[in-house]
Amino acid sequence: MKLLQVTIATLAFGMGFASAGPVIDKNPLPVDPSCPCFFPGLQVGAFASGYLPRGENEESAAGGGVAFTYFFTENIGLEYSYSVHATDSEMHINALDLIYRLPLGYSCWAPYVMGGGAVFANSFTEGAYRLGGGLEYRLDNCIAVFSDATYNWIQEEPDALHLRLGVRVPF
């Protein structure tokens, strides 16, 4: 009789462990839905660009350049860019822009606006004010693919549109 009681108790005890199921955490940590790639720091970029002046006899040109961007927060950054375009005597653009980007959660897309100043150098050297916007997408390795456009109000020369398409690599 004792053997039967011990066997029943052992089976009941074993069945309790088998039917207990997984342990559920009653206070789980919230999952951050944002893309993990929008962090502060330095980014170095390269881009292809287009220079489209508004004057009647002005020459549009393709070119390219480099950019150094530093984000102080997830949203606010400062970018220096240099580009050169294949006009008659090469149009050089040195620009410094303040960037405000708005990451769209887990999707890794971020539209942004930018504005600042630039120096255009060709057969002339002129200052300019600029304002524009763009869109960037962060890949799994946090490299960004971006496209943007800025409108440039140049002092003495015709205003111009500056288009860019490129990549940014975080460091």
Protein backbone atom coordinates (compact mmCIF):
# COMPACT_ATOMS: atom_id res chain seq x y z
CA MET A 1 0.00 0.00 0.00
CA LYS A 2 2.84 2.37 0.82
CA LEU A 3 4.40 1.66 -2.55
CA LEU A 4 1.15 2.63 -4.28
CA GLN A 5 0.95 5.90 -2.31
CA VAL A 6 4.57 6.78 -3.14
CA THR A 7 4.01 6.01 -6.82
CA ILE A 8 0.86 8.17 -6.97
CA ALA A 9 2.60 11.05 -5.15
CA THR A 10 5.62 10.83 -7.49
CA LEU A 11 3.41 10.84 -10.58
CA ALA A 12 1.30 13.76 -9.29
CA PHE A 13 4.44 15.75 -8.45
CA GLY A 14 5.93 15.04 -11.89
CA MET A 15 2.67 15.97 -13.66
CA GLY A 16 2.70 19.32 -11.83
CA PHE A 17 6.03 20.23 -13.41
CA ALA A 18 4.97 18.98 -16.83
CA SER A 19 1.76 21.01 -16.91
CA ALA A 20 3.13 24.21 -15.39
CA GLY A 21 4.02 25.70 -18.80
CA PRO A 22 6.32 28.65 -19.42
CA VAL A 23 6.87 31.30 -16.82
CA ILE A 24 5.24 34.59 -17.88
CA ASP A 25 6.90 37.82 -16.82
CA LYS A 26 4.19 40.03 -15.33
CA ASN A 27 6.32 43.19 -15.80
CA PRO A 28 8.01 42.92 -19.21
CA LEU A 29 10.36 45.70 -20.30
CA PRO A 30 8.90 47.89 -23.04
CA VAL A 31 10.38 47.35 -26.50
CA ASP A 32 11.80 50.49 -28.10
CA PRO A 33 10.13 50.67 -31.55
CA SER A 34 12.64 53.14 -33.00
CA CYS A 35 15.33 52.33 -35.54
CA PRO A 36 18.60 51.76 -33.64
CA CYS A 37 20.68 53.62 -36.25
CA PHE A 38 19.69 57.23 -35.48
CA PHE A 39 22.31 57.96 -32.85
CA PRO A 40 24.43 61.06 -32.25
CA GLY A 41 27.92 61.21 -33.71
CA LEU A 42 30.01 61.75 -36.81
CA GLN A 43 28.97 60.59 -40.28
CA VAL A 44 31.05 60.83 -43.46
CA GLY A 45 29.29 60.84 -46.80
CA ALA A 46 29.82 60.92 -50.54
CA PHE A 47 27.29 62.00 -53.12
CA ALA A 48 26.55 62.65 -56.77
CA SER A 49 25.00 66.04 -57.35
CA GLY A 50 23.41 68.33 -59.86
CA TYR A 51 23.74 72.10 -60.17
CA LEU A 52 20.72 73.77 -61.81
CA PRO A 53 20.95 77.58 -62.06
CA ARG A 54 17.85 79.62 -62.91
CA GLY A 55 19.38 82.09 -65.41
CA GLU A 56 18.56 81.90 -69.12
CA ASN A 57 22.15 81.49 -70.34
CA GLU A 58 23.36 79.54 -67.31
CA GLU A 59 24.82 76.08 -67.57
CA SER A 60 23.45 73.10 -65.57
CA ALA A 61 26.03 70.52 -64.60
CA ALA A 62 26.56 67.19 -62.87
CA GLY A 63 29.16 66.70 -60.17
CA GLY A 64 29.82 65.14 -56.82
CA GLY A 65 31.27 65.74 -53.43
CA VAL A 66 31.83 64.79 -49.81
CA ALA A 67 30.05 65.69 -46.58
CA PHE A 68 30.93 65.60 -42.90
CA THR A 69 27.89 65.54 -40.65
CA TYR A 70 27.81 65.60 -36.86
CA PHE A 71 24.52 64.88 -35.08
CA PHE A 72 24.38 66.30 -31.55
CA THR A 73 21.13 64.43 -30.84
CA GLU A 74 19.00 62.00 -32.79
CA ASN A 75 17.36 65.00 -34.49
CA ILE A 76 19.79 67.95 -34.71
CA GLY A 77 23.02 68.00 -36.69
CA LEU A 78 25.49 70.22 -38.49
CA GLU A 79 26.86 69.38 -41.95
CA TYR A 80 29.80 70.72 -43.95
CA SER A 81 29.76 69.67 -47.61
CA TYR A 82 32.01 70.34 -50.57
CA SER A 83 30.98 69.65 -54.14
CA VAL A 84 32.37 70.41 -57.56
CA HIS A 85 30.39 70.53 -60.82
CA ALA A 86 31.53 70.32 -64.43
CA THR A 87 30.61 73.78 -65.68
CA ASP A 88 32.96 75.70 -68.03
CA SER A 89 35.35 76.50 -65.21
CA GLU A 90 34.13 74.12 -62.48
CA MET A 91 31.56 75.33 -59.98
CA HIS A 92 32.73 74.73 -56.39
CA ILE A 93 30.18 74.80 -53.55
CA ASN A 94 31.24 74.92 -49.88
CA ALA A 95 28.18 74.73 -47.63
CA LEU A 96 27.45 74.65 -43.92
CA ASP A 97 23.91 73.58 -42.98
CA LEU A 98 21.92 72.96 -39.82
CA ILE A 99 19.87 69.77 -40.17
CA TYR A 100 16.70 68.79 -38.34
CA ARG A 101 15.63 65.21 -39.04
CA LEU A 102 12.56 63.36 -37.81
CA PRO A 103 13.10 59.56 -37.66
CA LEU A 104 9.86 57.67 -38.37
CA GLY A 105 10.07 54.94 -35.74
CA TYR A 106 11.09 51.40 -36.57
CA SER A 107 10.89 51.98 -40.33
CA CYS A 108 14.41 53.55 -40.46
CA TRP A 109 13.16 56.37 -42.72
CA ALA A 110 13.90 59.95 -41.71
CA PRO A 111 12.76 63.07 -43.56
CA TYR A 112 14.79 66.18 -42.77
CA VAL A 113 14.99 69.89 -43.41
CA MET A 114 18.23 71.82 -43.74
CA GLY A 115 19.31 75.40 -44.04
CA GLY A 116 22.43 77.51 -43.84
CA GLY A 117 24.95 79.27 -45.98
CA ALA A 118 27.28 78.49 -48.86
CA VAL A 119 30.08 79.95 -50.90
CA PHE A 120 29.90 79.44 -54.68
CA ALA A 121 33.20 79.78 -56.51
CA ASN A 122 33.70 79.70 -60.28
CA SER A 123 34.88 82.73 -62.23
CA PHE A 124 33.20 84.56 -59.33
CA THR A 125 33.01 84.01 -55.56
CA GLU A 126 29.60 84.66 -54.05
CA GLY A 127 27.88 83.92 -50.78
CA ALA A 128 24.45 82.32 -50.65
CA TYR A 129 21.64 81.46 -48.28
CA ARG A 130 20.13 78.03 -48.71
CA LEU A 131 17.09 76.08 -47.59
CA GLY A 132 16.06 72.56 -48.47
CA GLY A 133 14.94 69.14 -47.41
CA GLY A 134 15.53 65.48 -48.00
CA LEU A 135 14.91 61.89 -47.03
CA GLU A 136 17.28 59.23 -45.74
CA TYR A 137 16.93 55.50 -45.17
CA ARG A 138 19.12 53.51 -42.77
CA LEU A 139 20.15 50.03 -43.87
CA ASP A 140 20.71 47.14 -41.41
CA ASN A 141 24.38 48.10 -40.97
CA CYS A 142 23.34 51.73 -40.21
CA ILE A 143 24.71 53.12 -43.49
CA ALA A 144 22.31 55.77 -44.79
CA VAL A 145 21.18 56.30 -48.37
CA PHE A 146 19.94 59.86 -48.83
CA SER A 147 18.54 62.28 -51.36
CA ASP A 148 18.00 66.00 -50.88
CA ALA A 149 17.56 69.32 -52.63
CA THR A 150 18.45 72.87 -51.56
CA TYR A 151 17.44 76.15 -53.10
CA ASN A 152 20.29 78.68 -53.05
CA TRP A 153 19.78 82.44 -53.06
CA ILE A 154 23.14 83.60 -54.46
CA GLN A 155 24.18 87.25 -53.97
CA GLU A 156 24.93 88.53 -57.49
CA GLU A 157 24.49 85.44 -59.67
CA PRO A 158 21.22 83.68 -60.61
CA ASP A 159 19.70 81.51 -57.89
CA ALA A 160 20.33 77.79 -58.20
CA LEU A 161 18.93 74.43 -57.16
CA HIS A 162 21.44 71.89 -55.78
CA LEU A 163 20.40 68.20 -55.87
CA ARG A 164 22.26 65.37 -54.11
CA LEU A 165 22.03 61.56 -53.97
CA GLY A 166 24.50 59.67 -51.81
CA VAL A 167 25.47 57.60 -48.76
CA ARG A 168 26.48 58.41 -45.18
CA VAL A 169 28.60 56.11 -43.03
CA PRO A 170 28.47 56.56 -39.22
CA PHE A 171 31.61 56.44 -37.07
